[in-house]
């Protein structure tokens, strides 16, 4: 079994451009780049499906995932603030007795 080759986002973008913009066949472009044609076809499909976020990698989140993480953080903060207000209300109620 071969080792997995890691390539940059720029490499993938340029490989996709060979097929989509320059008219090379996926099979020929894959041979020229030393790739399996199924890998290149997968990259082309990813680029067509989501051109902005294609090949974002593991370290970059898609916009909706980043928004979801931010909203979850905000909800946690709001729950803490709510609990503080509840506890203050209970404390003031007990003090006024």
Protein backbone atom coordinates (compact mmCIF):
# COMPACT_ATOMS: atom_id res chain seq x y z
CA UNK A 1 0.00 0.00 0.00
CA UNK A 2 1.41 3.41 -0.96
CA UNK A 3 1.93 6.36 1.26
CA UNK A 4 -0.51 9.21 1.14
CA UNK A 5 0.87 12.32 -0.53
CA UNK A 6 -0.04 15.65 1.03
CA UNK A 7 -0.44 18.50 -1.43
CA UNK A 8 -1.21 22.15 -0.89
CA UNK A 9 -4.51 23.86 -1.58
CA UNK A 10 -2.80 25.83 -4.36
CA UNK A 11 -1.70 22.61 -6.05
CA UNK A 12 -5.27 21.30 -5.98
CA UNK A 13 -6.67 24.57 -7.33
CA UNK A 14 -4.18 24.58 -10.21
CA UNK A 15 -4.87 20.91 -10.95
CA UNK A 16 -8.60 21.64 -11.14
CA UNK A 17 -7.93 24.62 -13.43
CA UNK A 18 -6.10 22.30 -15.84
CA UNK A 19 -9.30 20.34 -16.26
CA UNK A 20 -11.96 23.04 -15.97
CA UNK A 21 -10.36 26.05 -17.63
CA UNK A 22 -7.65 24.70 -19.89
CA UNK A 23 -9.65 21.77 -21.25
CA UNK A 24 -7.29 18.95 -20.28
CA UNK A 25 -8.89 15.60 -19.64
CA UNK A 26 -8.90 14.47 -16.03
CA UNK A 27 -7.01 11.33 -17.02
CA UNK A 28 -4.25 13.22 -18.87
CA UNK A 29 -3.92 15.94 -16.21
CA UNK A 30 -3.72 13.27 -13.49
CA UNK A 31 -0.97 11.43 -15.37
CA UNK A 32 0.97 14.67 -15.91
CA UNK A 33 0.70 15.54 -12.21
CA UNK A 34 1.45 12.06 -10.92
CA UNK A 35 -2.02 11.58 -9.45
CA UNK A 36 -4.65 8.90 -9.74
CA UNK A 37 -7.41 10.17 -12.01
CA UNK A 38 -10.07 9.45 -9.39
CA UNK A 39 -8.30 11.81 -6.98
CA UNK A 40 -8.31 14.61 -9.54
CA UNK A 41 -11.95 13.94 -10.42
CA UNK A 42 -12.83 14.16 -6.71
CA UNK A 43 -11.03 17.52 -6.48
CA UNK A 44 -12.94 18.79 -9.52
CA UNK A 45 -16.23 17.69 -7.93
CA UNK A 46 -15.34 19.44 -4.66
CA UNK A 47 -14.43 22.63 -6.50
CA UNK A 48 -17.68 22.60 -8.47
CA UNK A 49 -19.80 21.88 -5.37
CA UNK A 50 -18.28 24.62 -3.19
CA UNK A 51 -15.71 26.78 -5.00
CA UNK A 52 -15.12 29.14 -2.07
CA UNK A 53 -14.48 26.51 0.60
CA UNK A 54 -13.03 23.74 -1.58
CA UNK A 55 -9.84 22.29 -0.14
CA UNK A 56 -10.17 24.27 3.09
CA UNK A 57 -8.27 21.58 4.96
CA UNK A 58 -8.64 20.42 8.55
CA UNK A 59 -7.42 23.62 10.13
CA UNK A 60 -9.98 25.83 8.42
CA UNK A 61 -13.66 25.56 9.17
CA UNK A 62 -16.40 26.19 6.70
CA UNK A 63 -18.35 29.37 7.36
CA UNK A 64 -21.41 27.57 8.77
CA UNK A 65 -19.27 25.51 11.14
CA UNK A 66 -17.50 28.64 12.40
CA UNK A 67 -20.85 30.39 12.88
CA UNK A 68 -22.23 27.40 14.79
CA UNK A 69 -19.20 27.39 17.09
CA UNK A 70 -19.60 31.13 17.73
CA UNK A 71 -23.30 30.73 18.48
CA UNK A 72 -22.63 27.87 20.90
CA UNK A 73 -20.08 30.02 22.72
CA UNK A 74 -22.57 32.89 22.90
CA UNK A 75 -25.29 30.59 24.28
CA UNK A 76 -22.91 29.37 26.99
CA UNK A 77 -22.08 32.98 27.95
CA UNK A 78 -25.75 33.93 28.06
CA UNK A 79 -26.55 30.95 30.31
CA UNK A 80 -23.83 32.02 32.73
CA UNK A 81 -25.13 35.59 32.76
CA UNK A 82 -28.70 34.33 33.31
CA UNK A 83 -27.57 32.21 36.26
CA UNK A 84 -25.78 35.19 37.79
CA UNK A 85 -28.94 37.28 37.57
CA UNK A 86 -31.04 34.45 39.07
CA UNK A 87 -28.63 34.03 41.96
CA UNK A 88 -28.56 37.80 42.58
CA UNK A 89 -32.37 37.89 42.61
CA UNK A 90 -32.50 35.06 45.17
CA UNK A 91 -29.85 36.74 47.30
CA UNK A 92 -31.68 40.11 47.28
CA UNK A 93 -34.98 38.39 48.09
CA UNK A 94 -33.42 36.70 51.11
CA UNK A 95 -31.74 39.92 52.28
CA UNK A 96 -35.00 41.89 52.18
CA UNK A 97 -36.78 39.45 54.55
